[in-house]
Protein backbone atom coordinates (compact mmCIF):
# COMPACT_ATOMS: atom_id res chain seq x y z
CA UNK A 1 0.00 0.00 0.00
CA UNK A 2 1.36 3.43 -0.91
CA UNK A 3 1.87 5.92 1.84
CA UNK A 4 0.16 9.27 1.46
CA UNK A 5 2.62 12.02 2.24
CA UNK A 6 1.18 14.81 4.30
CA UNK A 7 2.07 18.41 3.45
CA UNK A 8 4.40 20.01 5.92
CA UNK A 9 3.06 22.24 8.68
CA UNK A 10 4.17 25.50 7.04
CA UNK A 11 2.34 24.81 3.77
CA UNK A 12 -0.85 23.79 5.57
CA UNK A 13 -0.79 26.83 7.83
CA UNK A 14 0.07 29.27 5.04
CA UNK A 15 -2.77 27.85 2.94
CA UNK A 16 -5.23 28.41 5.80
CA UNK A 17 -4.02 31.97 6.30
CA UNK A 18 -4.38 32.76 2.59
CA UNK A 19 -7.87 31.25 2.54
CA UNK A 20 -8.87 33.30 5.61
CA UNK A 21 -7.80 36.59 4.03
CA UNK A 22 -9.38 35.72 0.68
CA UNK A 23 -12.70 35.04 2.42
CA UNK A 24 -12.31 38.15 4.57
CA UNK A 25 -11.91 40.34 1.49
CA UNK A 26 -14.94 38.67 -0.08
CA UNK A 27 -17.09 39.38 3.00
CA UNK A 28 -15.90 42.99 3.31
CA UNK A 29 -17.10 43.66 -0.23
CA UNK A 30 -20.64 42.80 0.95
CA UNK A 31 -20.63 45.34 3.79
CA UNK A 32 -22.80 48.43 3.38
CA UNK A 33 -20.71 51.17 4.97
CA UNK A 34 -22.50 54.11 6.64
CA UNK A 35 -22.28 57.60 5.19
CA UNK A 36 -20.38 60.30 7.11
CA UNK A 37 -23.73 61.90 8.01
CA UNK A 38 -24.98 58.63 9.52
CA UNK A 39 -21.76 58.26 11.49
CA UNK A 40 -22.07 61.81 12.84
CA UNK A 41 -25.73 61.31 13.76
CA UNK A 42 -25.04 58.01 15.54
CA UNK A 43 -22.05 59.51 17.35
CA UNK A 44 -24.16 62.40 18.63
CA UNK A 45 -26.85 60.00 19.84
CA UNK A 46 -24.26 57.96 21.75
CA UNK A 47 -22.65 61.07 23.30
CA UNK A 48 -26.07 62.37 24.41
CA UNK A 49 -27.00 59.01 25.94
CA UNK A 50 -23.70 58.84 27.79
CA UNK A 51 -24.22 62.36 29.17
CA UNK A 52 -27.78 61.59 30.30
CA UNK A 53 -26.75 58.37 32.03
CA UNK A 54 -23.78 60.18 33.59
CA UNK A 55 -26.06 62.86 35.02
CA UNK A 56 -28.40 60.23 36.49
CA UNK A 57 -25.48 58.41 38.10
CA UNK A 58 -24.11 61.69 39.46
CA UNK A 59 -27.52 62.61 40.91
CA UNK A 60 -27.94 59.19 42.53
CA UNK A 61 -24.43 59.39 43.99
CA UNK A 62 -25.07 62.91 45.31
CA UNK A 63 -28.38 61.94 46.94
CA UNK A 64 -26.87 58.78 48.43
CA UNK A 65 -23.92 60.74 49.82
CA UNK A 66 -26.22 63.35 51.39
CA UNK A 67 -28.35 60.59 52.91
CA UNK A 68 -25.34 58.75 54.32
CA UNK A 69 -23.89 61.97 55.74
CA UNK A 70 -27.27 62.73 57.38
CA UNK A 71 -27.40 59.25 58.95
CA UNK A 72 -23.83 59.54 60.20
CA UNK A 73 -24.55 62.99 61.62
CA UNK A 74 -27.72 61.73 63.27
CA UNK A 75 -26.01 58.86 65.10
CA UNK A 76 -22.66 60.50 65.71
PDB file of N, CA and C in Angstrom:
ATOM      1  N   UNK A   1       0.840  -1.161   0.000  1.00  0.00           N
ATOM      2  CA  UNK A   1       0.000   0.000   0.000  1.00  0.00           C
ATOM      3  C   UNK A   1       0.899   1.242   0.000  1.00  0.00           C
ATOM      4  N   UNK A   2       0.551   2.217  -0.808  1.00  0.00           N
ATOM      5  CA  UNK A   2       1.361   3.430  -0.907  1.00  0.00           C
ATOM      6  C   UNK A   2       1.037   4.354   0.254  1.00  0.00           C
ATOM      7  N   UNK A   3       2.060   4.968   0.748  1.00  0.00           N
ATOM      8  CA  UNK A   3       1.869   5.923   1.843  1.00  0.00           C
ATOM      9  C   UNK A   3       1.515   7.287   1.257  1.00  0.00           C
ATOM     10  N   UNK A   4       0.557   7.932   1.891  1.00  0.00           N
ATOM     11  CA  UNK A   4       0.162   9.274   1.463  1.00  0.00           C
ATOM     12  C   UNK A   4       0.989  10.258   2.270  1.00  0.00           C
ATOM     13  N   UNK A   5       1.761  11.067   1.556  1.00  0.00           N
ATOM     14  CA  UNK A   5       2.621  12.020   2.243  1.00  0.00           C
ATOM     15  C   UNK A   5       1.804  13.269   2.578  1.00  0.00           C
ATOM     16  N   UNK A   6       1.889  13.647   3.807  1.00  0.00           N
ATOM     17  CA  UNK A   6       1.177  14.812   4.296  1.00  0.00           C
ATOM     18  C   UNK A   6       2.007  16.057   4.007  1.00  0.00           C
ATOM     19  N   UNK A   7       1.336  17.163   3.648  1.00  0.00           N
ATOM     20  CA  UNK A   7       2.072  18.412   3.454  1.00  0.00           C
ATOM     21  C   UNK A   7       2.683  18.836   4.776  1.00  0.00           C
ATOM     22  N   UNK A   8       3.780  19.585   4.675  1.00  0.00           N
ATOM     23  CA  UNK A   8       4.395  20.014   5.922  1.00  0.00           C
ATOM     24  C   UNK A   8       3.549  21.089   6.599  1.00  0.00           C
ATOM     25  N   UNK A   9       3.850  21.330   7.844  1.00  0.00           N
ATOM     26  CA  UNK A   9       3.062  22.236   8.679  1.00  0.00           C
ATOM     27  C   UNK A   9       3.012  23.640   8.085  1.00  0.00           C
ATOM     28  N   UNK A  10       4.126  24.142   7.576  1.00  0.00           N
ATOM     29  CA  UNK A  10       4.174  25.503   7.044  1.00  0.00           C
ATOM     30  C   UNK A  10       3.233  25.665   5.852  1.00  0.00           C
ATOM     31  N   UNK A  11       3.221  24.711   4.935  1.00  0.00           N
ATOM     32  CA  UNK A  11       2.344  24.813   3.770  1.00  0.00           C
ATOM     33  C   UNK A  11       0.872  24.754   4.171  1.00  0.00           C
ATOM     34  N   UNK A  12       0.540  23.872   5.110  1.00  0.00           N
ATOM     35  CA  UNK A  12      -0.854  23.786   5.567  1.00  0.00           C
ATOM     36  C   UNK A  12      -1.290  25.086   6.222  1.00  0.00           C
ATOM     37  N   UNK A  13      -0.455  25.615   7.105  1.00  0.00           N
ATOM     38  CA  UNK A  13      -0.793  26.834   7.830  1.00  0.00           C
ATOM     39  C   UNK A  13      -0.880  28.017   6.886  1.00  0.00           C
ATOM     40  N   UNK A  14       0.079  28.153   5.980  1.00  0.00           N
ATOM     41  CA  UNK A  14       0.069  29.272   5.045  1.00  0.00           C
ATOM     42  C   UNK A  14      -1.170  29.203   4.147  1.00  0.00           C
ATOM     43  N   UNK A  15      -1.565  28.013   3.751  1.00  0.00           N
ATOM     44  CA  UNK A  15      -2.772  27.855   2.943  1.00  0.00           C
ATOM     45  C   UNK A  15      -4.016  28.309   3.699  1.00  0.00           C
ATOM     46  N   UNK A  16      -4.093  27.992   4.989  1.00  0.00           N
ATOM     47  CA  UNK A  16      -5.234  28.409   5.802  1.00  0.00           C
ATOM     48  C   UNK A  16      -5.267  29.929   5.968  1.00  0.00           C
ATOM     49  N   UNK A  17      -4.092  30.518   6.146  1.00  0.00           N
ATOM     50  CA  UNK A  17      -4.018  31.970   6.303  1.00  0.00           C
ATOM     51  C   UNK A  17      -4.459  32.660   5.013  1.00  0.00           C
ATOM     52  N   UNK A  18      -3.985  32.181   3.879  1.00  0.00           N
ATOM     53  CA  UNK A  18      -4.377  32.762   2.591  1.00  0.00           C
ATOM     54  C   UNK A  18      -5.880  32.632   2.365  1.00  0.00           C
ATOM     55  N   UNK A  19      -6.436  31.474   2.705  1.00  0.00           N
ATOM     56  CA  UNK A  19      -7.867  31.252   2.543  1.00  0.00           C
ATOM     57  C   UNK A  19      -8.659  32.206   3.435  1.00  0.00           C
ATOM     58  N   UNK A  20      -8.193  32.401   4.666  1.00  0.00           N
ATOM     59  CA  UNK A  20      -8.871  33.299   5.607  1.00  0.00           C
ATOM     60  C   UNK A  20      -8.937  34.715   5.030  1.00  0.00           C
ATOM     61  N   UNK A  21      -7.812  35.231   4.542  1.00  0.00           N
ATOM     62  CA  UNK A  21      -7.798  36.594   4.033  1.00  0.00           C
ATOM     63  C   UNK A  21      -8.581  36.724   2.724  1.00  0.00           C
ATOM     64  N   UNK A  22      -8.598  35.711   1.904  1.00  0.00           N
ATOM     65  CA  UNK A  22      -9.382  35.723   0.681  1.00  0.00           C
ATOM     66  C   UNK A  22     -10.872  35.801   1.021  1.00  0.00           C
ATOM     67  N   UNK A  23     -11.311  35.004   2.001  1.00  0.00           N
ATOM     68  CA  UNK A  23     -12.702  35.036   2.422  1.00  0.00           C
ATOM     69  C   UNK A  23     -13.040  36.344   3.129  1.00  0.00           C
ATOM     70  N   UNK A  24     -12.093  36.878   3.892  1.00  0.00           N
ATOM     71  CA  UNK A  24     -12.306  38.153   4.573  1.00  0.00           C
ATOM     72  C   UNK A  24     -12.556  39.268   3.569  1.00  0.00           C
ATOM     73  N   UNK A  25     -11.728  39.319   2.520  1.00  0.00           N
ATOM     74  CA  UNK A  25     -11.906  40.342   1.486  1.00  0.00           C
ATOM     75  C   UNK A  25     -13.260  40.171   0.800  1.00  0.00           C
ATOM     76  N   UNK A  26     -13.658  38.941   0.545  1.00  0.00           N
ATOM     77  CA  UNK A  26     -14.945  38.674  -0.083  1.00  0.00           C
ATOM     78  C   UNK A  26     -16.090  39.175   0.792  1.00  0.00           C
ATOM     79  N   UNK A  27     -16.026  38.938   2.088  1.00  0.00           N
ATOM     80  CA  UNK A  27     -17.087  39.377   2.998  1.00  0.00           C
ATOM     81  C   UNK A  27     -17.107  40.896   3.144  1.00  0.00           C
ATOM     82  N   UNK A  28     -15.941  41.532   3.159  1.00  0.00           N
ATOM     83  CA  UNK A  28     -15.905  42.986   3.310  1.00  0.00           C
ATOM     84  C   UNK A  28     -16.491  43.702   2.099  1.00  0.00           C
ATOM     85  N   UNK A  29     -16.477  43.067   0.956  1.00  0.00           N
ATOM     86  CA  UNK A  29     -17.099  43.662  -0.233  1.00  0.00           C
ATOM     87  C   UNK A  29     -18.616  43.708  -0.098  1.00  0.00           C
ATOM     88  N   UNK A  30     -19.186  42.855   0.759  1.00  0.00           N
ATOM     89  CA  UNK A  30     -20.635  42.799   0.945  1.00  0.00           C
ATOM     90  C   UNK A  30     -21.137  43.812   1.972  1.00  0.00           C
ATOM     91  N   UNK A  31     -20.242  44.431   2.715  1.00  0.00           N
ATOM     92  CA  UNK A  31     -20.627  45.343   3.785  1.00  0.00           C
ATOM     93  C   UNK A  31     -21.162  46.643   3.190  1.00  0.00           C
ATOM     94  N   UNK A  32     -22.265  47.125   3.763  1.00  0.00           N
ATOM     95  CA  UNK A  32     -22.796  48.429   3.381  1.00  0.00           C
ATOM     96  C   UNK A  32     -22.296  49.419   4.421  1.00  0.00           C
ATOM     97  N   UNK A  33     -21.337  50.243   4.036  1.00  0.00           N
ATOM     98  CA  UNK A  33     -20.711  51.167   4.965  1.00  0.00           C
ATOM     99  C   UNK A  33     -21.597  52.391   5.167  1.00  0.00           C
ATOM    100  N   UNK A  34     -21.661  52.932   6.390  1.00  0.00           N
ATOM    101  CA  UNK A  34     -22.499  54.115   6.640  1.00  0.00           C
ATOM    102  C   UNK A  34     -21.879  55.370   6.018  1.00  0.00           C
ATOM    103  N   UNK A  35     -22.758  56.323   5.727  1.00  0.00           N
ATOM    104  CA  UNK A  35     -22.279  57.596   5.191  1.00  0.00           C
ATOM    105  C   UNK A  35     -21.714  58.426   6.339  1.00  0.00           C
ATOM    106  N   UNK A  36     -20.905  59.438   6.034  1.00  0.00           N
ATOM    107  CA  UNK A  36     -20.382  60.303   7.108  1.00  0.00           C
ATOM    108  C   UNK A  36     -21.495  60.966   7.928  1.00  0.00           C
ATOM    109  N   UNK A  37     -22.620  61.291   7.276  1.00  0.00           N
ATOM    110  CA  UNK A  37     -23.732  61.902   8.008  1.00  0.00           C
ATOM    111  C   UNK A  37     -24.334  60.909   9.006  1.00  0.00           C
ATOM    112  N   UNK A  38     -24.447  59.652   8.609  1.00  0.00           N
ATOM    113  CA  UNK A  38     -24.980  58.635   9.525  1.00  0.00           C
ATOM    114  C   UNK A  38     -24.033  58.426  10.702  1.00  0.00           C
ATOM    115  N   UNK A  39     -22.744  58.432  10.410  1.00  0.00           N
ATOM    116  CA  UNK A  39     -21.758  58.256  11.488  1.00  0.00           C
ATOM    117  C   UNK A  39     -21.855  59.414  12.475  1.00  0.00           C
ATOM    118  N   UNK A  40     -21.964  60.636  11.972  1.00  0.00           N
ATOM    119  CA  UNK A  40     -22.069  61.811  12.841  1.00  0.00           C
ATOM    120  C   UNK A  40     -23.343  61.744  13.683  1.00  0.00           C
ATOM    121  N   UNK A  41     -24.456  61.402  13.047  1.00  0.00           N
ATOM    122  CA  UNK A  41     -25.731  61.313  13.764  1.00  0.00           C
ATOM    123  C   UNK A  41     -25.660  60.257  14.871  1.00  0.00           C
ATOM    124  N   UNK A  42     -25.149  59.081  14.544  1.00  0.00           N
ATOM    125  CA  UNK A  42     -25.043  58.007  15.541  1.00  0.00           C
ATOM    126  C   UNK A  42     -24.089  58.385  16.668  1.00  0.00           C
ATOM    127  N   UNK A  43     -23.007  59.076  16.330  1.00  0.00           N
ATOM    128  CA  UNK A  43     -22.051  59.510  17.349  1.00  0.00           C
ATOM    129  C   UNK A  43     -22.707  60.490  18.309  1.00  0.00           C
ATOM    130  N   UNK A  44     -23.471  61.425  17.769  1.00  0.00           N
ATOM    131  CA  UNK A  44     -24.158  62.403  18.629  1.00  0.00           C
ATOM    132  C   UNK A  44     -25.187  61.731  19.537  1.00  0.00           C
ATOM    133  N   UNK A  45     -25.889  60.727  19.019  1.00  0.00           N
ATOM    134  CA  UNK A  45     -26.855  59.998  19.844  1.00  0.00           C
ATOM    135  C   UNK A  45     -26.137  59.290  20.995  1.00  0.00           C
ATOM    136  N   UNK A  46     -25.009  58.673  20.705  1.00  0.00           N
ATOM    137  CA  UNK A  46     -24.257  57.960  21.747  1.00  0.00           C
ATOM    138  C   UNK A  46     -23.730  58.943  22.791  1.00  0.00           C
ATOM    139  N   UNK A  47     -23.188  60.071  22.353  1.00  0.00           N
ATOM    140  CA  UNK A  47     -22.653  61.065  23.296  1.00  0.00           C
ATOM    141  C   UNK A  47     -23.775  61.597  24.187  1.00  0.00           C
ATOM    142  N   UNK A  48     -24.942  61.884  23.608  1.00  0.00           N
ATOM    143  CA  UNK A  48     -26.071  62.366  24.409  1.00  0.00           C
ATOM    144  C   UNK A  48     -26.521  61.322  25.430  1.00  0.00           C
ATOM    145  N   UNK A  49     -26.605  60.075  25.011  1.00  0.00           N
ATOM    146  CA  UNK A  49     -27.000  59.009  25.943  1.00  0.00           C
ATOM    147  C   UNK A  49     -25.996  58.867  27.080  1.00  0.00           C
ATOM    148  N   UNK A  50     -24.722  58.948  26.750  1.00  0.00           N
ATOM    149  CA  UNK A  50     -23.695  58.841  27.786  1.00  0.00           C
ATOM    150  C   UNK A  50     -23.821  59.996  28.777  1.00  0.00           C
ATOM    151  N   UNK A  51     -24.062  61.208  28.276  1.00  0.00           N
ATOM    152  CA  UNK A  51     -24.221  62.362  29.168  1.00  0.00           C
ATOM    153  C   UNK A  51     -25.444  62.218  30.065  1.00  0.00           C
ATOM    154  N   UNK A  52     -26.561  61.755  29.504  1.00  0.00           N
ATOM    155  CA  UNK A  52     -27.779  61.593  30.303  1.00  0.00           C
ATOM    156  C   UNK A  52     -27.572  60.545  31.389  1.00  0.00           C
ATOM    157  N   UNK A  53     -27.002  59.420  31.033  1.00  0.00           N
ATOM    158  CA  UNK A  53     -26.749  58.370  32.030  1.00  0.00           C
ATOM    159  C   UNK A  53     -25.755  58.868  33.080  1.00  0.00           C
ATOM    160  N   UNK A  54     -24.750  59.617  32.649  1.00  0.00           N
ATOM    161  CA  UNK A  54     -23.775  60.175  33.590  1.00  0.00           C
ATOM    162  C   UNK A  54     -24.425  61.119  34.585  1.00  0.00           C
ATOM    163  N   UNK A  55     -25.358  61.942  34.113  1.00  0.00           N
ATOM    164  CA  UNK A  55     -26.063  62.864  35.022  1.00  0.00           C
ATOM    165  C   UNK A  55     -26.908  62.083  36.017  1.00  0.00           C
ATOM    166  N   UNK A  56     -27.606  61.041  35.560  1.00  0.00           N
ATOM    167  CA  UNK A  56     -28.395  60.227  36.488  1.00  0.00           C
ATOM    168  C   UNK A  56     -27.513  59.558  37.536  1.00  0.00           C
ATOM    169  N   UNK A  57     -26.388  59.042  37.131  1.00  0.00           N
ATOM    170  CA  UNK A  57     -25.476  58.412  38.097  1.00  0.00           C
ATOM    171  C   UNK A  57     -24.948  59.448  39.078  1.00  0.00           C
ATOM    172  N   UNK A  58     -24.603  60.632  38.575  1.00  0.00           N
ATOM    173  CA  UNK A  58     -24.109  61.691  39.456  1.00  0.00           C
ATOM    174  C   UNK A  58     -25.174  62.093  40.471  1.00  0.00           C
ATOM    175  N   UNK A  59     -26.434  62.247  40.000  1.00  0.00           N
ATOM    176  CA  UNK A  59     -27.520  62.610  40.915  1.00  0.00           C
ATOM    177  C   UNK A  59     -27.738  61.537  41.974  1.00  0.00           C
ATOM    178  N   UNK A  60     -27.749  60.277  41.563  1.00  0.00           N
ATOM    179  CA  UNK A  60     -27.935  59.192  42.528  1.00  0.00           C
ATOM    180  C   UNK A  60     -26.803  59.193  43.551  1.00  0.00           C
ATOM    181  N   UNK A  61     -25.577  59.369  43.090  1.00  0.00           N
ATOM    182  CA  UNK A  61     -24.431  59.393  43.987  1.00  0.00           C
ATOM    183  C   UNK A  61     -24.530  60.564  44.959  1.00  0.00           C
ATOM    184  N   UNK A  62     -24.945  61.725  44.459  1.00  0.00           N
ATOM    185  CA  UNK A  62     -25.070  62.906  45.308  1.00  0.00           C
ATOM    186  C   UNK A  62     -26.130  62.701  46.385  1.00  0.00           C
ATOM    187  N   UNK A  63     -27.295  62.178  45.974  1.00  0.00           N
ATOM    188  CA  UNK A  63     -28.380  61.937  46.936  1.00  0.00           C
ATOM    189  C   UNK A  63     -27.965  60.876  47.949  1.00  0.00           C
ATOM    190  N   UNK A  64     -27.313  59.834  47.507  1.00  0.00           N
ATOM    191  CA  UNK A  64     -26.869  58.782  48.426  1.00  0.00           C
ATOM    192  C   UNK A  64     -25.850  59.338  49.411  1.00  0.00           C
ATOM    193  N   UNK A  65     -24.942  60.170  48.940  1.00  0.00           N
ATOM    194  CA  UNK A  65     -23.923  60.741  49.822  1.00  0.00           C
ATOM    195  C   UNK A  65     -24.564  61.660  50.865  1.00  0.00           C
ATOM    196  N   UNK A  66     -25.527  62.471  50.453  1.00  0.00           N
ATOM    197  CA  UNK A  66     -26.219  63.355  51.394  1.00  0.00           C
ATOM    198  C   UNK A  66     -26.971  62.518  52.423  1.00  0.00           C
ATOM    199  N   UNK A  67     -27.626  61.448  51.977  1.00  0.00           N
ATOM    200  CA  UNK A  67     -28.350  60.585  52.912  1.00  0.00           C
ATOM    201  C   UNK A  67     -27.423  59.898  53.903  1.00  0.00           C
ATOM    202  N   UNK A  68     -26.302  59.406  53.430  1.00  0.00           N
ATOM    203  CA  UNK A  68     -25.344  58.745  54.323  1.00  0.00           C
ATOM    204  C   UNK A  68     -24.754  59.746  55.308  1.00  0.00           C
ATOM    205  N   UNK A  69     -24.422  60.939  54.829  1.00  0.00           N
ATOM    206  CA  UNK A  69     -23.895  61.967  55.739  1.00  0.00           C
ATOM    207  C   UNK A  69     -24.929  62.344  56.797  1.00  0.00           C
ATOM    208  N   UNK A  70     -26.221  62.421  56.420  1.00  0.00           N
ATOM    209  CA  UNK A  70     -27.273  62.731  57.376  1.00  0.00           C
ATOM    210  C   UNK A  70     -27.394  61.629  58.414  1.00  0.00           C
ATOM    211  N   UNK A  71     -27.319  60.355  57.985  1.00  0.00           N
ATOM    212  CA  UNK A  71     -27.398  59.248  58.946  1.00  0.00           C
ATOM    213  C   UNK A  71     -26.206  59.251  59.889  1.00  0.00           C
ATOM    214  N   UNK A  72     -25.027  59.492  59.354  1.00  0.00           N
ATOM    215  CA  UNK A  72     -23.830  59.538  60.197  1.00  0.00           C
ATOM    216  C   UNK A  72     -23.919  60.685  61.191  1.00  0.00           C
ATOM    217  N   UNK A  73     -24.403  61.843  60.728  1.00  0.00           N
ATOM    218  CA  UNK A  73     -24.547  62.992  61.622  1.00  0.00           C
ATOM    219  C   UNK A  73     -25.617  62.757  62.678  1.00  0.00           C
ATOM    220  N   UNK A  74     -26.653  62.005  62.331  1.00  0.00           N
ATOM    221  CA  UNK A  74     -27.723  61.731  63.272  1.00  0.00           C
ATOM    222  C   UNK A  74     -27.258  60.821  64.402  1.00  0.00           C
ATOM    223  N   UNK A  75     -26.444  59.842  64.087  1.00  0.00           N
ATOM    224  CA  UNK A  75     -26.010  58.863  65.097  1.00  0.00           C
ATOM    225  C   UNK A  75     -24.636  59.174  65.678  1.00  0.00           C
ATOM    226  N   UNK A  76     -24.015  60.201  65.225  1.00  0.00           N
ATOM    227  CA  UNK A  76     -22.656  60.503  65.710  1.00  0.00           C
ATOM    228  C   UNK A  76     -22.724  61.367  66.876  1.00  0.00           C
TER     229      UNK A  76
END
